[in-house]
Amino acid sequence: MNGQFPLGDINPFRYFFGIAVIVGLVFAFISSTNDEPLLPRLVQWQLQSLLPMALMVGVHIGLSFLSSFNLLSAWQKVFVSGAVGASLFSLLRY
């Protein structure tokens, strides 16, 4: 996976999923709900941050096998992977 995301010495799994965990924690703590316990909020926000990240990274890796995808610039690849991953996540919710 390091060939897909040139981040130097940073492990991409730790980078992307670490950010997703941090975002999930932040939203769990700042979400304003009426007397809801922390644990259900924490699980909800972790799922809502980790699942889309997994979908986007998985789509990026899957699309990297297509020659037309490899012709795109890095930003275009990120945009396409993010759009497809977010679309798949929104379909999972309904």
PDB file of N, CA and C in Angstrom:
ATOM      1  N   MET A   1       0.812  -1.188   0.000  1.00  0.00           N
ATOM      2  CA  MET A   1       0.000   0.000   0.000  1.00  0.00           C
ATOM      3  C   MET A   1       0.859   1.257   0.000  1.00  0.00           C
ATOM      4  N   ASN A   2       2.097   1.137   0.418  1.00  0.00           N
ATOM      5  CA  ASN A   2       2.956   2.317   0.438  1.00  0.00           C
ATOM      6  C   ASN A   2       3.215   2.854  -0.954  1.00  0.00           C
ATOM      7  N   GLY A   3       3.122   2.011  -1.982  1.00  0.00           N
ATOM      8  CA  GLY A   3       3.287   2.486  -3.339  1.00  0.00           C
ATOM      9  C   GLY A   3       2.110   3.324  -3.804  1.00  0.00           C
ATOM     10  N   GLN A   4       0.940   3.097  -3.242  1.00  0.00           N
ATOM     11  CA  GLN A   4      -0.251   3.841  -3.610  1.00  0.00           C
ATOM     12  C   GLN A   4      -0.265   5.229  -2.981  1.00  0.00           C
ATOM     13  N   PHE A   5       0.181   5.317  -1.772  1.00  0.00           N
ATOM     14  CA  PHE A   5       0.176   6.571  -1.030  1.00  0.00           C
ATOM     15  C   PHE A   5       1.610   6.883  -0.609  1.00  0.00           C
ATOM     16  N   PRO A   6       2.345   7.678  -1.375  1.00  0.00           N
ATOM     17  CA  PRO A   6       3.747   7.951  -1.045  1.00  0.00           C
ATOM     18  C   PRO A   6       3.860   8.898   0.149  1.00  0.00           C
ATOM     19  N   LEU A   7       3.860   8.339   1.333  1.00  0.00           N
ATOM     20  CA  LEU A   7       3.910   9.156   2.547  1.00  0.00           C
ATOM     21  C   LEU A   7       5.270   9.085   3.226  1.00  0.00           C
ATOM     22  N   GLY A   8       6.260   8.556   2.546  1.00  0.00           N
ATOM     23  CA  GLY A   8       7.577   8.454   3.160  1.00  0.00           C
ATOM     24  C   GLY A   8       7.627   7.297   4.132  1.00  0.00           C
ATOM     25  N   ASP A   9       8.070   7.572   5.348  1.00  0.00           N
ATOM     26  CA  ASP A   9       8.221   6.520   6.346  1.00  0.00           C
ATOM     27  C   ASP A   9       6.930   6.230   7.102  1.00  0.00           C
ATOM     28  N   ILE A  10       5.882   6.985   6.844  1.00  0.00           N
ATOM     29  CA  ILE A  10       4.626   6.794   7.562  1.00  0.00           C
ATOM     30  C   ILE A  10       3.872   5.618   6.956  1.00  0.00           C
ATOM     31  N   ASN A  11       3.419   4.718   7.800  1.00  0.00           N
ATOM     32  CA  ASN A  11       2.601   3.598   7.348  1.00  0.00           C
ATOM     33  C   ASN A  11       1.215   4.139   6.986  1.00  0.00           C
ATOM     34  N   PRO A  12       0.751   3.957   5.737  1.00  0.00           N
ATOM     35  CA  PRO A  12      -0.545   4.517   5.335  1.00  0.00           C
ATOM     36  C   PRO A  12      -1.718   4.016   6.175  1.00  0.00           C
ATOM     37  N   PHE A  13      -1.676   2.739   6.598  1.00  0.00           N
ATOM     38  CA  PHE A  13      -2.763   2.240   7.432  1.00  0.00           C
ATOM     39  C   PHE A  13      -2.825   3.018   8.741  1.00  0.00           C
ATOM     40  N   ARG A  14      -1.689   3.220   9.373  1.00  0.00           N
ATOM     41  CA  ARG A  14      -1.662   3.998  10.616  1.00  0.00           C
ATOM     42  C   ARG A  14      -2.087   5.440  10.373  1.00  0.00           C
ATOM     43  N   TYR A  15      -1.659   6.011   9.267  1.00  0.00           N
ATOM     44  CA  TYR A  15      -1.972   7.411   8.969  1.00  0.00           C
ATOM     45  C   TYR A  15      -3.468   7.614   8.765  1.00  0.00           C
ATOM     46  N   PHE A  16      -4.054   6.915   7.805  1.00  0.00           N
ATOM     47  CA  PHE A  16      -5.458   7.129   7.476  1.00  0.00           C
ATOM     48  C   PHE A  16      -6.398   6.672   8.590  1.00  0.00           C
ATOM     49  N   PHE A  17      -6.132   5.502   9.158  1.00  0.00           N
ATOM     50  CA  PHE A  17      -7.028   5.016  10.187  1.00  0.00           C
ATOM     51  C   PHE A  17      -6.778   5.708  11.526  1.00  0.00           C
ATOM     52  N   GLY A  18      -5.566   6.188  11.748  1.00  0.00           N
ATOM     53  CA  GLY A  18      -5.301   6.997  12.943  1.00  0.00           C
ATOM     54  C   GLY A  18      -6.065   8.306  12.904  1.00  0.00           C
ATOM     55  N   ILE A  19      -6.073   8.948  11.750  1.00  0.00           N
ATOM     56  CA  ILE A  19      -6.857  10.176  11.598  1.00  0.00           C
ATOM     57  C   ILE A  19      -8.339   9.893  11.779  1.00  0.00           C
ATOM     58  N   ALA A  20      -8.822   8.778  11.235  1.00  0.00           N
ATOM     59  CA  ALA A  20     -10.241   8.432  11.369  1.00  0.00           C
ATOM     60  C   ALA A  20     -10.607   8.193  12.833  1.00  0.00           C
ATOM     61  N   VAL A  21      -9.735   7.549  13.584  1.00  0.00           N
ATOM     62  CA  VAL A  21     -10.002   7.314  15.012  1.00  0.00           C
ATOM     63  C   VAL A  21     -10.044   8.639  15.764  1.00  0.00           C
ATOM     64  N   ILE A  22      -9.099   9.518  15.478  1.00  0.00           N
ATOM     65  CA  ILE A  22      -9.064  10.819  16.157  1.00  0.00           C
ATOM     66  C   ILE A  22     -10.317  11.630  15.833  1.00  0.00           C
ATOM     67  N   VAL A  23     -10.711  11.647  14.553  1.00  0.00           N
ATOM     68  CA  VAL A  23     -11.929  12.373  14.160  1.00  0.00           C
ATOM     69  C   VAL A  23     -13.147  11.777  14.864  1.00  0.00           C
ATOM     70  N   GLY A  24     -13.222  10.460  14.931  1.00  0.00           N
ATOM     71  CA  GLY A  24     -14.332   9.810  15.626  1.00  0.00           C
ATOM     72  C   GLY A  24     -14.381  10.170  17.103  1.00  0.00           C
ATOM     73  N   LEU A  25     -13.215  10.224  17.738  1.00  0.00           N
ATOM     74  CA  LEU A  25     -13.165  10.605  19.150  1.00  0.00           C
ATOM     75  C   LEU A  25     -13.612  12.046  19.357  1.00  0.00           C
ATOM     76  N   VAL A  26     -13.129  12.935  18.496  1.00  0.00           N
ATOM     77  CA  VAL A  26     -13.491  14.349  18.630  1.00  0.00           C
ATOM     78  C   VAL A  26     -15.003  14.519  18.487  1.00  0.00           C
ATOM     79  N   PHE A  27     -15.577  13.915  17.462  1.00  0.00           N
ATOM     80  CA  PHE A  27     -17.022  14.062  17.263  1.00  0.00           C
ATOM     81  C   PHE A  27     -17.826  13.391  18.369  1.00  0.00           C
ATOM     82  N   ALA A  28     -17.332  12.291  18.920  1.00  0.00           N
ATOM     83  CA  ALA A  28     -18.043  11.639  20.022  1.00  0.00           C
ATOM     84  C   ALA A  28     -18.089  12.540  21.256  1.00  0.00           C
ATOM     85  N   PHE A  29     -17.002  13.255  21.486  1.00  0.00           N
ATOM     86  CA  PHE A  29     -16.958  14.115  22.672  1.00  0.00           C
ATOM     87  C   PHE A  29     -17.691  15.438  22.481  1.00  0.00           C
ATOM     88  N   ILE A  30     -17.759  15.937  21.244  1.00  0.00           N
ATOM     89  CA  ILE A  30     -18.419  17.227  21.059  1.00  0.00           C
ATOM     90  C   ILE A  30     -19.861  17.105  20.596  1.00  0.00           C
ATOM     91  N   SER A  31     -20.311  15.878  20.296  1.00  0.00           N
ATOM     92  CA  SER A  31     -21.702  15.740  19.845  1.00  0.00           C
ATOM     93  C   SER A  31     -22.636  16.059  21.009  1.00  0.00           C
ATOM     94  N   SER A  32     -23.623  16.832  20.698  1.00  0.00           N
ATOM     95  CA  SER A  32     -24.557  17.247  21.752  1.00  0.00           C
ATOM     96  C   SER A  32     -25.813  16.377  21.678  1.00  0.00           C
ATOM     97  N   THR A  33     -25.891  15.448  22.590  1.00  0.00           N
ATOM     98  CA  THR A  33     -27.068  14.583  22.692  1.00  0.00           C
ATOM     99  C   THR A  33     -27.618  14.687  24.102  1.00  0.00           C
ATOM    100  N   ASN A  34     -28.860  14.394  24.226  1.00  0.00           N
ATOM    101  CA  ASN A  34     -29.532  14.529  25.522  1.00  0.00           C
ATOM    102  C   ASN A  34     -29.324  13.282  26.373  1.00  0.00           C
ATOM    103  N   ASP A  35     -28.425  13.365  27.320  1.00  0.00           N
ATOM    104  CA  ASP A  35     -28.181  12.317  28.309  1.00  0.00           C
ATOM    105  C   ASP A  35     -27.870  10.950  27.712  1.00  0.00           C
ATOM    106  N   GLU A  36     -27.295  10.917  26.532  1.00  0.00           N
ATOM    107  CA  GLU A  36     -26.877   9.640  25.957  1.00  0.00           C
ATOM    108  C   GLU A  36     -25.516   9.280  26.524  1.00  0.00           C
ATOM    109  N   PRO A  37     -25.331   8.034  26.938  1.00  0.00           N
ATOM    110  CA  PRO A  37     -24.026   7.636  27.484  1.00  0.00           C
ATOM    111  C   PRO A  37     -22.912   7.764  26.442  1.00  0.00           C
ATOM    112  N   LEU A  38     -21.697   7.879  26.929  1.00  0.00           N
ATOM    113  CA  LEU A  38     -20.549   8.098  26.052  1.00  0.00           C
ATOM    114  C   LEU A  38     -20.259   6.891  25.161  1.00  0.00           C
ATOM    115  N   LEU A  39     -20.378   5.678  25.684  1.00  0.00           N
ATOM    116  CA  LEU A  39     -19.994   4.496  24.920  1.00  0.00           C
ATOM    117  C   LEU A  39     -20.791   4.329  23.621  1.00  0.00           C
ATOM    118  N   PRO A  40     -22.120   4.450  23.618  1.00  0.00           N
ATOM    119  CA  PRO A  40     -22.832   4.345  22.338  1.00  0.00           C
ATOM    120  C   PRO A  40     -22.457   5.449  21.346  1.00  0.00           C
ATOM    121  N   ARG A  41     -22.240   6.662  21.854  1.00  0.00           N
ATOM    122  CA  ARG A  41     -21.808   7.758  20.967  1.00  0.00           C
ATOM    123  C   ARG A  41     -20.437   7.467  20.389  1.00  0.00           C
ATOM    124  N   LEU A  42     -19.541   6.938  21.225  1.00  0.00           N
ATOM    125  CA  LEU A  42     -18.194   6.625  20.782  1.00  0.00           C
ATOM    126  C   LEU A  42     -18.216   5.554  19.689  1.00  0.00           C
ATOM    127  N   VAL A  43     -18.998   4.513  19.885  1.00  0.00           N
ATOM    128  CA  VAL A  43     -19.104   3.447  18.878  1.00  0.00           C
ATOM    129  C   VAL A  43     -19.696   4.006  17.589  1.00  0.00           C
ATOM    130  N   GLN A  44     -20.749   4.795  17.708  1.00  0.00           N
ATOM    131  CA  GLN A  44     -21.393   5.368  16.526  1.00  0.00           C
ATOM    132  C   GLN A  44     -20.407   6.215  15.718  1.00  0.00           C
ATOM    133  N   TRP A  45     -19.690   7.107  16.380  1.00  0.00           N
ATOM    134  CA  TRP A  45     -18.795   8.004  15.658  1.00  0.00           C
ATOM    135  C   TRP A  45     -17.560   7.284  15.136  1.00  0.00           C
ATOM    136  N   GLN A  46     -17.112   6.253  15.827  1.00  0.00           N
ATOM    137  CA  GLN A  46     -15.992   5.467  15.299  1.00  0.00           C
ATOM    138  C   GLN A  46     -16.405   4.748  14.016  1.00  0.00           C
ATOM    139  N   LEU A  47     -17.606   4.185  14.016  1.00  0.00           N
ATOM    140  CA  LEU A  47     -18.103   3.535  12.795  1.00  0.00           C
ATOM    141  C   LEU A  47     -18.282   4.542  11.667  1.00  0.00           C
ATOM    142  N   GLN A  48     -18.771   5.729  12.005  1.00  0.00           N
ATOM    143  CA  GLN A  48     -19.012   6.737  10.977  1.00  0.00           C
ATOM    144  C   GLN A  48     -17.728   7.386  10.472  1.00  0.00           C
ATOM    145  N   SER A  49     -16.627   7.163  11.126  1.00  0.00           N
ATOM    146  CA  SER A  49     -15.359   7.689  10.607  1.00  0.00           C
ATOM    147  C   SER A  49     -14.493   6.581  10.014  1.00  0.00           C
ATOM    148  N   LEU A  50     -14.506   5.395  10.603  1.00  0.00           N
ATOM    149  CA  LEU A  50     -13.654   4.318  10.107  1.00  0.00           C
ATOM    150  C   LEU A  50     -14.201   3.647   8.850  1.00  0.00           C
ATOM    151  N   LEU A  51     -15.508   3.448   8.778  1.00  0.00           N
ATOM    152  CA  LEU A  51     -16.078   2.796   7.595  1.00  0.00           C
ATOM    153  C   LEU A  51     -15.860   3.596   6.312  1.00  0.00           C
ATOM    154  N   PRO A  52     -16.137   4.902   6.297  1.00  0.00           N
ATOM    155  CA  PRO A  52     -15.865   5.642   5.058  1.00  0.00           C
ATOM    156  C   PRO A  52     -14.380   5.653   4.700  1.00  0.00           C
ATOM    157  N   MET A  53     -13.521   5.746   5.694  1.00  0.00           N
ATOM    158  CA  MET A  53     -12.077   5.740   5.408  1.00  0.00           C
ATOM    159  C   MET A  53     -11.674   4.403   4.799  1.00  0.00           C
ATOM    160  N   ALA A  54     -12.187   3.309   5.342  1.00  0.00           N
ATOM    161  CA  ALA A  54     -11.874   1.989   4.791  1.00  0.00           C
ATOM    162  C   ALA A  54     -12.393   1.855   3.362  1.00  0.00           C
ATOM    163  N   LEU A  55     -13.581   2.363   3.113  1.00  0.00           N
ATOM    164  CA  LEU A  55     -14.129   2.312   1.759  1.00  0.00           C
ATOM    165  C   LEU A  55     -13.295   3.137   0.785  1.00  0.00           C
ATOM    166  N   MET A  56     -12.908   4.327   1.182  1.00  0.00           N
ATOM    167  CA  MET A  56     -12.130   5.187   0.289  1.00  0.00           C
ATOM    168  C   MET A  56     -10.752   4.606  -0.012  1.00  0.00           C
ATOM    169  N   VAL A  57     -10.088   4.076   1.003  1.00  0.00           N
ATOM    170  CA  VAL A  57      -8.776   3.466   0.786  1.00  0.00           C
ATOM    171  C   VAL A  57      -8.928   2.202  -0.057  1.00  0.00           C
ATOM    172  N   GLY A  58      -9.950   1.405   0.227  1.00  0.00           N
ATOM    173  CA  GLY A  58     -10.189   0.196  -0.558  1.00  0.00           C
ATOM    174  C   GLY A  58     -10.502   0.497  -2.015  1.00  0.00           C
ATOM    175  N   VAL A  59     -11.315   1.519  -2.251  1.00  0.00           N
ATOM    176  CA  VAL A  59     -11.626   1.925  -3.628  1.00  0.00           C
ATOM    177  C   VAL A  59     -10.363   2.406  -4.329  1.00  0.00           C
ATOM    178  N   HIS A  60      -9.540   3.163  -3.633  1.00  0.00           N
ATOM    179  CA  HIS A  60      -8.301   3.664  -4.234  1.00  0.00           C
ATOM    180  C   HIS A  60      -7.389   2.511  -4.646  1.00  0.00           C
ATOM    181  N   ILE A  61      -7.247   1.546  -3.766  1.00  0.00           N
ATOM    182  CA  ILE A  61      -6.405   0.391  -4.085  1.00  0.00           C
ATOM    183  C   ILE A  61      -7.021  -0.413  -5.226  1.00  0.00           C
ATOM    184  N   GLY A  62      -8.339  -0.596  -5.194  1.00  0.00           N
ATOM    185  CA  GLY A  62      -9.004  -1.333  -6.263  1.00  0.00           C
ATOM    186  C   GLY A  62      -8.895  -0.652  -7.611  1.00  0.00           C
ATOM    187  N   LEU A  63      -9.058   0.659  -7.631  1.00  0.00           N
ATOM    188  CA  LEU A  63      -8.969   1.397  -8.892  1.00  0.00           C
ATOM    189  C   LEU A  63      -7.539   1.497  -9.415  1.00  0.00           C
ATOM    190  N   SER A  64      -6.563   1.295  -8.552  1.00  0.00           N
ATOM    191  CA  SER A  64      -5.173   1.415  -8.994  1.00  0.00           C
ATOM    192  C   SER A  64      -4.792   0.336  -9.999  1.00  0.00           C
ATOM    193  N   PHE A  65      -5.609  -0.698 -10.129  1.00  0.00           N
ATOM    194  CA  PHE A  65      -5.340  -1.739 -11.114  1.00  0.00           C
ATOM    195  C   PHE A  65      -5.813  -1.342 -12.513  1.00  0.00           C
ATOM    196  N   LEU A  66      -6.560  -0.243 -12.628  1.00  0.00           N
ATOM    197  CA  LEU A  66      -7.036   0.235 -13.920  1.00  0.00           C
ATOM    198  C   LEU A  66      -6.031   1.211 -14.518  1.00  0.00           C
ATOM    199  N   SER A  67      -5.689   1.013 -15.776  1.00  0.00           N
ATOM    200  CA  SER A  67      -4.698   1.891 -16.406  1.00  0.00           C
ATOM    201  C   SER A  67      -5.224   3.319 -16.552  1.00  0.00           C
ATOM    202  N   SER A  68      -6.526   3.486 -16.783  1.00  0.00           N
ATOM    203  CA  SER A  68      -7.074   4.842 -16.919  1.00  0.00           C
ATOM    204  C   SER A  68      -7.011   5.608 -15.593  1.00  0.00           C
ATOM    205  N   PHE A  69      -7.142   4.921 -14.482  1.00  0.00           N
ATOM    206  CA  PHE A  69      -7.046   5.561 -13.171  1.00  0.00           C
ATOM    207  C   PHE A  69      -5.611   6.027 -12.915  1.00  0.00           C
ATOM    208  N   ASN A  70      -4.646   5.239 -13.368  1.00  0.00           N
ATOM    209  CA  ASN A  70      -3.242   5.580 -13.148  1.00  0.00           C
ATOM    210  C   ASN A  70      -2.780   6.760 -13.988  1.00  0.00           C
ATOM    211  N   LEU A  71      -3.544   7.142 -15.004  1.00  0.00           N
ATOM    212  CA  LEU A  71      -3.203   8.302 -15.819  1.00  0.00           C
ATOM    213  C   LEU A  71      -3.590   9.620 -15.149  1.00  0.00           C
ATOM    214  N   LEU A  72      -4.438   9.556 -14.126  1.00  0.00           N
ATOM    215  CA  LEU A  72      -4.899  10.767 -13.431  1.00  0.00           C
ATOM    216  C   LEU A  72      -3.800  11.322 -12.535  1.00  0.00           C
ATOM    217  N   SER A  73      -3.924  12.607 -12.208  1.00  0.00           N
ATOM    218  CA  SER A  73      -2.988  13.202 -11.249  1.00  0.00           C
ATOM    219  C   SER A  73      -3.336  12.705  -9.846  1.00  0.00           C
ATOM    220  N   ALA A  74      -2.449  12.953  -8.911  1.00  0.00           N
ATOM    221  CA  ALA A  74      -2.673  12.481  -7.535  1.00  0.00           C
ATOM    222  C   ALA A  74      -3.959  13.064  -6.951  1.00  0.00           C
ATOM    223  N   TRP A  75      -4.223  14.350  -7.202  1.00  0.00           N
ATOM    224  CA  TRP A  75      -5.433  14.974  -6.658  1.00  0.00           C
ATOM    225  C   TRP A  75      -6.691  14.406  -7.303  1.00  0.00           C
ATOM    226  N   GLN A  76      -6.622  14.113  -8.591  1.00  0.00           N
ATOM    227  CA  GLN A  76      -7.777  13.521  -9.271  1.00  0.00           C
ATOM    228  C   GLN A  76      -8.042  12.115  -8.742  1.00  0.00           C
ATOM    229  N   LYS A  77      -6.994  11.372  -8.467  1.00  0.00           N
ATOM    230  CA  LYS A  77      -7.157  10.030  -7.893  1.00  0.00           C
ATOM    231  C   LYS A  77      -7.822  10.109  -6.518  1.00  0.00           C
ATOM    232  N   VAL A  78      -7.368  11.053  -5.704  1.00  0.00           N
ATOM    233  CA  VAL A  78      -7.957  11.215  -4.369  1.00  0.00           C
ATOM    234  C   VAL A  78      -9.422  11.625  -4.482  1.00  0.00           C
ATOM    235  N   PHE A  79      -9.723  12.520  -5.415  1.00  0.00           N
ATOM    236  CA  PHE A  79     -11.102  12.960  -5.603  1.00  0.00           C
ATOM    237  C   PHE A  79     -11.997  11.802  -6.038  1.00  0.00           C
ATOM    238  N   VAL A  80     -11.551  11.039  -7.024  1.00  0.00           N
ATOM    239  CA  VAL A  80     -12.358   9.916  -7.522  1.00  0.00           C
ATOM    240  C   VAL A  80     -12.539   8.867  -6.428  1.00  0.00           C
ATOM    241  N   SER A  81     -11.467   8.518  -5.733  1.00  0.00           N
ATOM    242  CA  SER A  81     -11.554   7.532  -4.651  1.00  0.00           C
ATOM    243  C   SER A  81     -12.482   8.013  -3.546  1.00  0.00           C
ATOM    244  N   GLY A  82     -12.374   9.286  -3.186  1.00  0.00           N
ATOM    245  CA  GLY A  82     -13.234   9.840  -2.140  1.00  0.00           C
ATOM    246  C   GLY A  82     -14.690   9.884  -2.553  1.00  0.00           C
ATOM    247  N   ALA A  83     -14.943  10.275  -3.801  1.00  0.00           N
ATOM    248  CA  ALA A  83     -16.325  10.356  -4.272  1.00  0.00           C
ATOM    249  C   ALA A  83     -16.969   8.978  -4.339  1.00  0.00           C
ATOM    250  N   VAL A  84     -16.246   8.000  -4.857  1.00  0.00           N
ATOM    251  CA  VAL A  84     -16.801   6.645  -4.943  1.00  0.00           C
ATOM    252  C   VAL A  84     -16.964   6.048  -3.551  1.00  0.00           C
ATOM    253  N   GLY A  85     -15.970   6.210  -2.685  1.00  0.00           N
ATOM    254  CA  GLY A  85     -16.069   5.688  -1.324  1.00  0.00           C
ATOM    255  C   GLY A  85     -17.196   6.324  -0.534  1.00  0.00           C
ATOM    256  N   ALA A  86     -17.361   7.645  -0.669  1.00  0.00           N
ATOM    257  CA  ALA A  86     -18.444   8.337   0.040  1.00  0.00           C
ATOM    258  C   ALA A  86     -19.808   7.905  -0.507  1.00  0.00           C
ATOM    259  N   SER A  87     -19.884   7.691  -1.816  1.00  0.00           N
ATOM    260  CA  SER A  87     -21.141   7.229  -2.405  1.00  0.00           C
ATOM    261  C   SER A  87     -21.495   5.829  -1.899  1.00  0.00           C
ATOM    262  N   LEU A  88     -20.501   4.963  -1.837  1.00  0.00           N
ATOM    263  CA  LEU A  88     -20.760   3.620  -1.307  1.00  0.00           C
ATOM    264  C   LEU A  88     -21.181   3.671   0.159  1.00  0.00           C
ATOM    265  N   PHE A  89     -20.559   4.537   0.936  1.00  0.00           N
ATOM    266  CA  PHE A  89     -20.934   4.664   2.339  1.00  0.00           C
ATOM    267  C   PHE A  89     -22.357   5.189   2.486  1.00  0.00           C
ATOM    268  N   SER A  90     -22.730   6.145   1.663  1.00  0.00           N
ATOM    269  CA  SER A  90     -24.094   6.682   1.763  1.00  0.00           C
ATOM    270  C   SER A  90     -25.113   5.627   1.347  1.00  0.00           C
ATOM    271  N   LEU A  91     -24.761   4.752   0.431  1.00  0.00           N
ATOM    272  CA  LEU A  91     -25.665   3.658   0.061  1.00  0.00           C
ATOM    273  C   LEU A  91     -25.805   2.642   1.185  1.00  0.00           C
ATOM    274  N   LEU A  92     -24.737   2.439   1.956  1.00  0.00           N
ATOM    275  CA  LEU A  92     -24.786   1.499   3.076  1.00  0.00           C
ATOM    276  C   LEU A  92     -25.722   1.975   4.185  1.00  0.00           C
ATOM    277  N   ARG A  93     -25.895   3.258   4.294  1.00  0.00           N
ATOM    278  CA  ARG A  93     -26.708   3.806   5.379  1.00  0.00           C
ATOM    279  C   ARG A  93     -28.187   3.673   5.115  1.00  0.00           C
ATOM    280  N   TYR A  94     -28.598   3.427   3.851  1.00  0.00           N
ATOM    281  CA  TYR A  94     -30.028   3.368   3.544  1.00  0.00           C
ATOM    282  C   TYR A  94     -30.438   2.028   3.072  1.00  0.00           C
TER     283      TYR A  94
END
